[in-house]
Amino acid sequence: MAVESTVLSSKMVLKLNNGADENGNPIVRSKTYSNMNNDAVDQEVYDVAEAIADLQTNPLEGVHKIQETVLVSL
Protein backbone atom coordinates (compact mmCIF):
# COMPACT_ATOMS: atom_id res chain seq x y z
CA MET A 1 0.00 0.00 0.00
CA ALA A 2 1.36 3.40 -0.96
CA VAL A 3 1.55 6.16 1.63
CA GLU A 4 1.90 9.91 1.18
CA SER A 5 3.23 12.21 3.88
CA THR A 6 2.40 15.88 4.39
CA VAL A 7 4.30 18.12 6.79
CA LEU A 8 1.84 19.99 9.01
CA SER A 9 4.24 22.04 11.10
CA SER A 10 7.93 22.49 11.78
CA LYS A 11 9.93 23.87 14.67
CA MET A 12 13.56 24.30 15.59
CA VAL A 13 14.94 23.57 19.06
CA LEU A 14 18.29 24.96 20.17
CA LYS A 15 20.05 23.12 22.99
CA LEU A 16 22.25 25.51 24.97
CA ASN A 17 24.90 24.59 27.55
CA ASN A 18 23.92 26.34 30.77
CA GLY A 19 26.88 25.19 32.86
CA ALA A 20 26.88 22.38 35.41
CA ASP A 21 24.99 21.60 38.59
CA GLU A 22 26.58 21.04 42.01
CA ASN A 23 27.33 17.40 41.05
CA GLY A 24 29.09 18.35 37.84
CA ASN A 25 26.24 17.20 35.60
CA PRO A 26 25.68 19.39 32.55
CA ILE A 27 22.65 21.68 32.51
CA VAL A 28 21.21 21.96 29.01
CA ARG A 29 18.42 24.43 28.30
CA SER A 30 16.17 24.40 25.25
CA LYS A 31 14.85 27.30 23.20
CA THR A 32 12.06 26.42 20.78
CA TYR A 33 11.20 28.41 17.67
CA SER A 34 7.83 27.42 16.21
CA ASN A 35 6.10 28.29 12.94
CA MET A 36 9.20 27.49 10.93
CA ASN A 37 8.85 27.21 7.15
CA ASN A 38 7.94 23.59 6.42
CA ASP A 39 10.11 23.65 3.28
CA ALA A 40 13.28 24.81 5.07
CA VAL A 41 16.23 22.55 4.26
CA ASP A 42 18.49 21.25 7.01
CA GLN A 43 21.45 23.50 6.15
CA GLU A 44 19.26 26.61 6.30
CA VAL A 45 17.85 25.57 9.68
CA TYR A 46 21.34 24.95 11.05
CA ASP A 47 22.64 28.28 9.70
CA VAL A 48 19.79 30.16 11.38
CA ALA A 49 20.36 28.24 14.61
CA GLU A 50 24.04 29.21 14.62
CA ALA A 51 23.15 32.86 13.98
CA ILE A 52 20.70 32.85 16.89
CA ALA A 53 23.21 31.03 19.11
CA ASP A 54 25.78 33.75 18.42
CA LEU A 55 23.40 36.16 20.18
CA GLN A 56 23.12 33.93 23.27
CA THR A 57 25.42 33.97 26.27
CA ASN A 58 25.53 30.15 26.51
CA PRO A 59 27.22 27.96 23.86
CA LEU A 60 25.19 25.90 21.40
CA GLU A 61 25.13 22.16 22.18
CA GLY A 62 22.83 20.98 19.42
CA VAL A 63 20.06 21.78 16.95
CA HIS A 64 16.87 19.78 16.53
CA LYS A 65 14.45 20.13 13.62
CA ILE A 66 11.06 18.71 14.56
CA GLN A 67 8.33 18.15 11.99
CA GLU A 68 4.77 17.00 12.58
CA THR A 69 3.73 14.87 9.63
CA VAL A 70 0.46 13.23 8.68
CA LEU A 71 0.53 9.96 6.72
CA VAL A 72 -2.30 9.14 4.32
CA SER A 73 -2.92 5.88 2.49
CA LEU A 74 -3.29 6.35 -1.26
PDB file of N, CA and C in Angstrom:
ATOM      1  N   MET A   1       0.838  -1.166   0.000  1.00  0.00           N
ATOM      2  CA  MET A   1       0.000   0.000   0.000  1.00  0.00           C
ATOM      3  C   MET A   1       0.891   1.238   0.000  1.00  0.00           C
ATOM      4  N   ALA A   2       0.581   2.168  -0.870  1.00  0.00           N
ATOM      5  CA  ALA A   2       1.360   3.402  -0.963  1.00  0.00           C
ATOM      6  C   ALA A   2       0.889   4.404   0.090  1.00  0.00           C
ATOM      7  N   VAL A   3       1.844   5.162   0.597  1.00  0.00           N
ATOM      8  CA  VAL A   3       1.553   6.161   1.627  1.00  0.00           C
ATOM      9  C   VAL A   3       2.156   7.494   1.210  1.00  0.00           C
ATOM     10  N   GLU A   4       1.416   8.556   1.450  1.00  0.00           N
ATOM     11  CA  GLU A   4       1.898   9.910   1.178  1.00  0.00           C
ATOM     12  C   GLU A   4       1.999  10.662   2.501  1.00  0.00           C
ATOM     13  N   SER A   5       3.061  11.430   2.654  1.00  0.00           N
ATOM     14  CA  SER A   5       3.228  12.214   3.882  1.00  0.00           C
ATOM     15  C   SER A   5       3.118  13.702   3.566  1.00  0.00           C
ATOM     16  N   THR A   6       2.528  14.426   4.506  1.00  0.00           N
ATOM     17  CA  THR A   6       2.400  15.875   4.391  1.00  0.00           C
ATOM     18  C   THR A   6       2.863  16.500   5.697  1.00  0.00           C
ATOM     19  N   VAL A   7       3.796  17.429   5.598  1.00  0.00           N
ATOM     20  CA  VAL A   7       4.302  18.115   6.790  1.00  0.00           C
ATOM     21  C   VAL A   7       3.273  19.155   7.215  1.00  0.00           C
ATOM     22  N   LEU A   8       2.824  19.051   8.475  1.00  0.00           N
ATOM     23  CA  LEU A   8       1.836  19.987   9.010  1.00  0.00           C
ATOM     24  C   LEU A   8       2.487  21.190   9.677  1.00  0.00           C
ATOM     25  N   SER A   9       3.561  20.941  10.403  1.00  0.00           N
ATOM     26  CA  SER A   9       4.238  22.036  11.103  1.00  0.00           C
ATOM     27  C   SER A   9       5.692  21.660  11.345  1.00  0.00           C
ATOM     28  N   SER A  10       6.506  22.692  11.515  1.00  0.00           N
ATOM     29  CA  SER A  10       7.934  22.493  11.784  1.00  0.00           C
ATOM     30  C   SER A  10       8.371  23.446  12.878  1.00  0.00           C
ATOM     31  N   LYS A  11       9.332  22.996  13.669  1.00  0.00           N
ATOM     32  CA  LYS A  11       9.930  23.874  14.669  1.00  0.00           C
ATOM     33  C   LYS A  11      11.394  23.513  14.844  1.00  0.00           C
ATOM     34  N   MET A  12      12.131  24.468  15.358  1.00  0.00           N
ATOM     35  CA  MET A  12      13.558  24.297  15.593  1.00  0.00           C
ATOM     36  C   MET A  12      13.798  24.432  17.094  1.00  0.00           C
ATOM     37  N   VAL A  13      14.605  23.525  17.636  1.00  0.00           N
ATOM     38  CA  VAL A  13      14.940  23.573  19.057  1.00  0.00           C
ATOM     39  C   VAL A  13      16.448  23.711  19.186  1.00  0.00           C
ATOM     40  N   LEU A  14      16.875  24.761  19.884  1.00  0.00           N
ATOM     41  CA  LEU A  14      18.290  24.962  20.171  1.00  0.00           C
ATOM     42  C   LEU A  14      18.570  24.427  21.562  1.00  0.00           C
ATOM     43  N   LYS A  15      19.602  23.621  21.698  1.00  0.00           N
ATOM     44  CA  LYS A  15      20.053  23.117  22.989  1.00  0.00           C
ATOM     45  C   LYS A  15      21.278  23.931  23.378  1.00  0.00           C
ATOM     46  N   LEU A  16      21.188  24.614  24.521  1.00  0.00           N
ATOM     47  CA  LEU A  16      22.253  25.505  24.972  1.00  0.00           C
ATOM     48  C   LEU A  16      22.850  25.007  26.276  1.00  0.00           C
ATOM     49  N   ASN A  17      24.179  25.007  26.347  1.00  0.00           N
ATOM     50  CA  ASN A  17      24.896  24.593  27.550  1.00  0.00           C
ATOM     51  C   ASN A  17      24.764  25.698  28.584  1.00  0.00           C
ATOM     52  N   ASN A  18      24.163  25.354  29.722  1.00  0.00           N
ATOM     53  CA  ASN A  18      23.923  26.341  30.773  1.00  0.00           C
ATOM     54  C   ASN A  18      24.791  26.055  31.997  1.00  0.00           C
ATOM     55  N   GLY A  19      25.968  25.470  31.766  1.00  0.00           N
ATOM     56  CA  GLY A  19      26.885  25.188  32.865  1.00  0.00           C
ATOM     57  C   GLY A  19      26.674  23.802  33.441  1.00  0.00           C
ATOM     58  N   ALA A  20      26.993  23.669  34.733  1.00  0.00           N
ATOM     59  CA  ALA A  20      26.882  22.377  35.411  1.00  0.00           C
ATOM     60  C   ALA A  20      26.236  22.583  36.773  1.00  0.00           C
ATOM     61  N   ASP A  21      25.577  21.526  37.256  1.00  0.00           N
ATOM     62  CA  ASP A  21      24.987  21.602  38.588  1.00  0.00           C
ATOM     63  C   ASP A  21      26.044  21.299  39.646  1.00  0.00           C
ATOM     64  N   GLU A  22      25.629  21.241  40.912  1.00  0.00           N
ATOM     65  CA  GLU A  22      26.583  21.036  42.006  1.00  0.00           C
ATOM     66  C   GLU A  22      27.283  19.680  41.953  1.00  0.00           C
ATOM     67  N   ASN A  23      26.716  18.720  41.196  1.00  0.00           N
ATOM     68  CA  ASN A  23      27.328  17.398  41.051  1.00  0.00           C
ATOM     69  C   ASN A  23      28.187  17.287  39.793  1.00  0.00           C
ATOM     70  N   GLY A  24      28.291  18.364  39.054  1.00  0.00           N
ATOM     71  CA  GLY A  24      29.091  18.354  37.837  1.00  0.00           C
ATOM     72  C   GLY A  24      28.342  17.894  36.600  1.00  0.00           C
ATOM     73  N   ASN A  25      27.048  17.621  36.741  1.00  0.00           N
ATOM     74  CA  ASN A  25      26.244  17.198  35.595  1.00  0.00           C
ATOM     75  C   ASN A  25      25.898  18.410  34.734  1.00  0.00           C
ATOM     76  N   PRO A  26      25.963  18.254  33.421  1.00  0.00           N
ATOM     77  CA  PRO A  26      25.675  19.395  32.548  1.00  0.00           C
ATOM     78  C   PRO A  26      24.211  19.823  32.642  1.00  0.00           C
ATOM     79  N   ILE A  27      23.999  21.119  32.570  1.00  0.00           N
ATOM     80  CA  ILE A  27      22.654  21.682  32.508  1.00  0.00           C
ATOM     81  C   ILE A  27      22.457  22.173  31.084  1.00  0.00           C
ATOM     82  N   VAL A  28      21.497  21.585  30.399  1.00  0.00           N
ATOM     83  CA  VAL A  28      21.214  21.957  29.014  1.00  0.00           C
ATOM     84  C   VAL A  28      19.809  22.544  28.963  1.00  0.00           C
ATOM     85  N   ARG A  29      19.700  23.742  28.441  1.00  0.00           N
ATOM     86  CA  ARG A  29      18.416  24.427  28.297  1.00  0.00           C
ATOM     87  C   ARG A  29      18.015  24.405  26.828  1.00  0.00           C
ATOM     88  N   SER A  30      16.706  24.404  26.605  1.00  0.00           N
ATOM     89  CA  SER A  30      16.169  24.398  25.246  1.00  0.00           C
ATOM     90  C   SER A  30      15.462  25.703  24.946  1.00  0.00           C
ATOM     91  N   LYS A  31      15.612  26.161  23.721  1.00  0.00           N
ATOM     92  CA  LYS A  31      14.845  27.297  23.203  1.00  0.00           C
ATOM     93  C   LYS A  31      14.164  26.804  21.935  1.00  0.00           C
ATOM     94  N   THR A  32      12.837  26.915  21.902  1.00  0.00           N
ATOM     95  CA  THR A  32      12.055  26.417  20.781  1.00  0.00           C
ATOM     96  C   THR A  32      11.542  27.571  19.937  1.00  0.00           C
ATOM     97  N   TYR A  33      11.690  27.429  18.633  1.00  0.00           N
ATOM     98  CA  TYR A  33      11.201  28.414  17.672  1.00  0.00           C
ATOM     99  C   TYR A  33      10.187  27.712  16.772  1.00  0.00           C
ATOM    100  N   SER A  34       8.919  28.060  16.952  1.00  0.00           N
ATOM    101  CA  SER A  34       7.832  27.424  16.208  1.00  0.00           C
ATOM    102  C   SER A  34       7.531  28.186  14.926  1.00  0.00           C
ATOM    103  N   ASN A  35       6.563  27.670  14.188  1.00  0.00           N
ATOM    104  CA  ASN A  35       6.098  28.291  12.937  1.00  0.00           C
ATOM    105  C   ASN A  35       7.217  28.454  11.919  1.00  0.00           C
ATOM    106  N   MET A  36       8.106  27.482  11.886  1.00  0.00           N
ATOM    107  CA  MET A  36       9.195  27.490  10.926  1.00  0.00           C
ATOM    108  C   MET A  36       8.645  27.087   9.553  1.00  0.00           C
ATOM    109  N   ASN A  37       9.241  27.581   8.503  1.00  0.00           N
ATOM    110  CA  ASN A  37       8.847  27.211   7.148  1.00  0.00           C
ATOM    111  C   ASN A  37       8.996  25.704   6.977  1.00  0.00           C
ATOM    112  N   ASN A  38       7.915  25.042   6.572  1.00  0.00           N
ATOM    113  CA  ASN A  38       7.941  23.586   6.418  1.00  0.00           C
ATOM    114  C   ASN A  38       8.890  23.120   5.322  1.00  0.00           C
ATOM    115  N   ASP A  39       9.233  24.005   4.397  1.00  0.00           N
ATOM    116  CA  ASP A  39      10.115  23.651   3.283  1.00  0.00           C
ATOM    117  C   ASP A  39      11.582  23.953   3.561  1.00  0.00           C
ATOM    118  N   ALA A  40      11.896  24.445   4.748  1.00  0.00           N
ATOM    119  CA  ALA A  40      13.282  24.805   5.075  1.00  0.00           C
ATOM    120  C   ALA A  40      14.169  23.564   5.037  1.00  0.00           C
ATOM    121  N   VAL A  41      15.289  23.672   4.338  1.00  0.00           N
ATOM    122  CA  VAL A  41      16.226  22.550   4.261  1.00  0.00           C
ATOM    123  C   VAL A  41      17.129  22.559   5.498  1.00  0.00           C
ATOM    124  N   ASP A  42      17.710  21.423   5.788  1.00  0.00           N
ATOM    125  CA  ASP A  42      18.489  21.253   7.013  1.00  0.00           C
ATOM    126  C   ASP A  42      19.617  22.271   7.155  1.00  0.00           C
ATOM    127  N   GLN A  43      20.334  22.551   6.079  1.00  0.00           N
ATOM    128  CA  GLN A  43      21.454  23.498   6.151  1.00  0.00           C
ATOM    129  C   GLN A  43      20.968  24.890   6.529  1.00  0.00           C
ATOM    130  N   GLU A  44      19.825  25.297   5.962  1.00  0.00           N
ATOM    131  CA  GLU A  44      19.260  26.608   6.298  1.00  0.00           C
ATOM    132  C   GLU A  44      18.873  26.678   7.772  1.00  0.00           C
ATOM    133  N   VAL A  45      18.257  25.619   8.268  1.00  0.00           N
ATOM    134  CA  VAL A  45      17.850  25.569   9.676  1.00  0.00           C
ATOM    135  C   VAL A  45      19.079  25.673  10.569  1.00  0.00           C
ATOM    136  N   TYR A  46      20.117  24.932  10.241  1.00  0.00           N
ATOM    137  CA  TYR A  46      21.339  24.955  11.051  1.00  0.00           C
ATOM    138  C   TYR A  46      22.007  26.329  11.008  1.00  0.00           C
ATOM    139  N   ASP A  47      22.036  26.950   9.831  1.00  0.00           N
ATOM    140  CA  ASP A  47      22.642  28.278   9.702  1.00  0.00           C
ATOM    141  C   ASP A  47      21.908  29.303  10.561  1.00  0.00           C
ATOM    142  N   VAL A  48      20.583  29.249  10.552  1.00  0.00           N
ATOM    143  CA  VAL A  48      19.790  30.164  11.381  1.00  0.00           C
ATOM    144  C   VAL A  48      20.037  29.879  12.858  1.00  0.00           C
ATOM    145  N   ALA A  49      20.105  28.610  13.217  1.00  0.00           N
ATOM    146  CA  ALA A  49      20.361  28.239  14.612  1.00  0.00           C
ATOM    147  C   ALA A  49      21.708  28.784  15.083  1.00  0.00           C
ATOM    148  N   GLU A  50      22.726  28.674  14.250  1.00  0.00           N
ATOM    149  CA  GLU A  50      24.041  29.209  14.617  1.00  0.00           C
ATOM    150  C   GLU A  50      24.003  30.726  14.766  1.00  0.00           C
ATOM    151  N   ALA A  51      23.262  31.399  13.890  1.00  0.00           N
ATOM    152  CA  ALA A  51      23.153  32.860  13.978  1.00  0.00           C
ATOM    153  C   ALA A  51      22.451  33.274  15.268  1.00  0.00           C
ATOM    154  N   ILE A  52      21.400  32.560  15.633  1.00  0.00           N
ATOM    155  CA  ILE A  52      20.697  32.848  16.886  1.00  0.00           C
ATOM    156  C   ILE A  52      21.601  32.537  18.071  1.00  0.00           C
ATOM    157  N   ALA A  53      22.321  31.426  18.009  1.00  0.00           N
ATOM    158  CA  ALA A  53      23.207  31.029  19.107  1.00  0.00           C
ATOM    159  C   ALA A  53      24.308  32.054  19.335  1.00  0.00           C
ATOM    160  N   ASP A  54      24.751  32.713  18.276  1.00  0.00           N
ATOM    161  CA  ASP A  54      25.776  33.752  18.419  1.00  0.00           C
ATOM    162  C   ASP A  54      25.291  34.913  19.283  1.00  0.00           C
ATOM    163  N   LEU A  55      23.977  35.086  19.378  1.00  0.00           N
ATOM    164  CA  LEU A  55      23.401  36.160  20.180  1.00  0.00           C
ATOM    165  C   LEU A  55      23.164  35.741  21.633  1.00  0.00           C
ATOM    166  N   GLN A  56      23.348  34.456  21.921  1.00  0.00           N
ATOM    167  CA  GLN A  56      23.117  33.930  23.266  1.00  0.00           C
ATOM    168  C   GLN A  56      24.400  33.994  24.088  1.00  0.00           C
ATOM    169  N   THR A  57      24.242  33.975  25.401  1.00  0.00           N
ATOM    170  CA  THR A  57      25.422  33.967  26.265  1.00  0.00           C
ATOM    171  C   THR A  57      25.965  32.558  26.464  1.00  0.00           C
ATOM    172  N   ASN A  58      25.110  31.542  26.312  1.00  0.00           N
ATOM    173  CA  ASN A  58      25.534  30.154  26.508  1.00  0.00           C
ATOM    174  C   ASN A  58      25.841  29.494  25.165  1.00  0.00           C
ATOM    175  N   PRO A  59      26.837  28.600  25.125  1.00  0.00           N
ATOM    176  CA  PRO A  59      27.220  27.958  23.861  1.00  0.00           C
ATOM    177  C   PRO A  59      26.174  26.958  23.362  1.00  0.00           C
ATOM    178  N   LEU A  60      26.112  26.818  22.055  1.00  0.00           N
ATOM    179  CA  LEU A  60      25.189  25.899  21.398  1.00  0.00           C
ATOM    180  C   LEU A  60      25.687  24.470  21.552  1.00  0.00           C
ATOM    181  N   GLU A  61      24.809  23.584  22.022  1.00  0.00           N
ATOM    182  CA  GLU A  61      25.131  22.164  22.178  1.00  0.00           C
ATOM    183  C   GLU A  61      24.565  21.329  21.032  1.00  0.00           C
ATOM    184  N   GLY A  62      23.442  21.759  20.482  1.00  0.00           N
ATOM    185  CA  GLY A  62      22.826  20.980  19.415  1.00  0.00           C
ATOM    186  C   GLY A  62      21.619  21.686  18.829  1.00  0.00           C
ATOM    187  N   VAL A  63      21.208  21.220  17.650  1.00  0.00           N
ATOM    188  CA  VAL A  63      20.057  21.781  16.948  1.00  0.00           C
ATOM    189  C   VAL A  63      19.139  20.626  16.573  1.00  0.00           C
ATOM    190  N   HIS A  64      17.861  20.784  16.888  1.00  0.00           N
ATOM    191  CA  HIS A  64      16.868  19.779  16.531  1.00  0.00           C
ATOM    192  C   HIS A  64      15.841  20.413  15.607  1.00  0.00           C
ATOM    193  N   LYS A  65      15.524  19.718  14.527  1.00  0.00           N
ATOM    194  CA  LYS A  65      14.452  20.135  13.617  1.00  0.00           C
ATOM    195  C   LYS A  65      13.332  19.120  13.804  1.00  0.00           C
ATOM    196  N   ILE A  66      12.178  19.600  14.249  1.00  0.00           N
ATOM    197  CA  ILE A  66      11.063  18.709  14.559  1.00  0.00           C
ATOM    198  C   ILE A  66       9.918  19.018  13.604  1.00  0.00           C
ATOM    199  N   GLN A  67       9.440  17.979  12.928  1.00  0.00           N
ATOM    200  CA  GLN A  67       8.334  18.153  11.994  1.00  0.00           C
ATOM    201  C   GLN A  67       7.186  17.232  12.381  1.00  0.00           C
ATOM    202  N   GLU A  68       5.979  17.795  12.386  1.00  0.00           N
ATOM    203  CA  GLU A  68       4.771  16.998  12.582  1.00  0.00           C
ATOM    204  C   GLU A  68       4.256  16.644  11.196  1.00  0.00           C
ATOM    205  N   THR A  69       4.092  15.356  10.956  1.00  0.00           N
ATOM    206  CA  THR A  69       3.726  14.874   9.631  1.00  0.00           C
ATOM    207  C   THR A  69       2.503  13.974   9.723  1.00  0.00           C
ATOM    208  N   VAL A  70       1.606  14.113   8.766  1.00  0.00           N
ATOM    209  CA  VAL A  70       0.455  13.225   8.678  1.00  0.00           C
ATOM    210  C   VAL A  70       0.701  12.256   7.516  1.00  0.00           C
ATOM    211  N   LEU A  71       0.379  10.995   7.745  1.00  0.00           N
ATOM    212  CA  LEU A  71       0.532   9.960   6.720  1.00  0.00           C
ATOM    213  C   LEU A  71      -0.851   9.543   6.238  1.00  0.00           C
ATOM    214  N   VAL A  72      -1.014   9.479   4.905  1.00  0.00           N
ATOM    215  CA  VAL A  72      -2.302   9.136   4.315  1.00  0.00           C
ATOM    216  C   VAL A  72      -2.097   7.999   3.329  1.00  0.00           C
ATOM    217  N   SER A  73      -2.952   6.995   3.428  1.00  0.00           N
ATOM    218  CA  SER A  73      -2.918   5.879   2.495  1.00  0.00           C
ATOM    219  C   SER A  73      -3.499   6.326   1.163  1.00  0.00           C
ATOM    220  N   LEU A  74      -2.814   5.969   0.086  1.00  0.00           N
ATOM    221  CA  LEU A  74      -3.294   6.347  -1.257  1.00  0.00           C
ATOM    222  C   LEU A  74      -4.147   5.254  -1.859  1.00  0.00           C
TER     223      LEU A  74
END
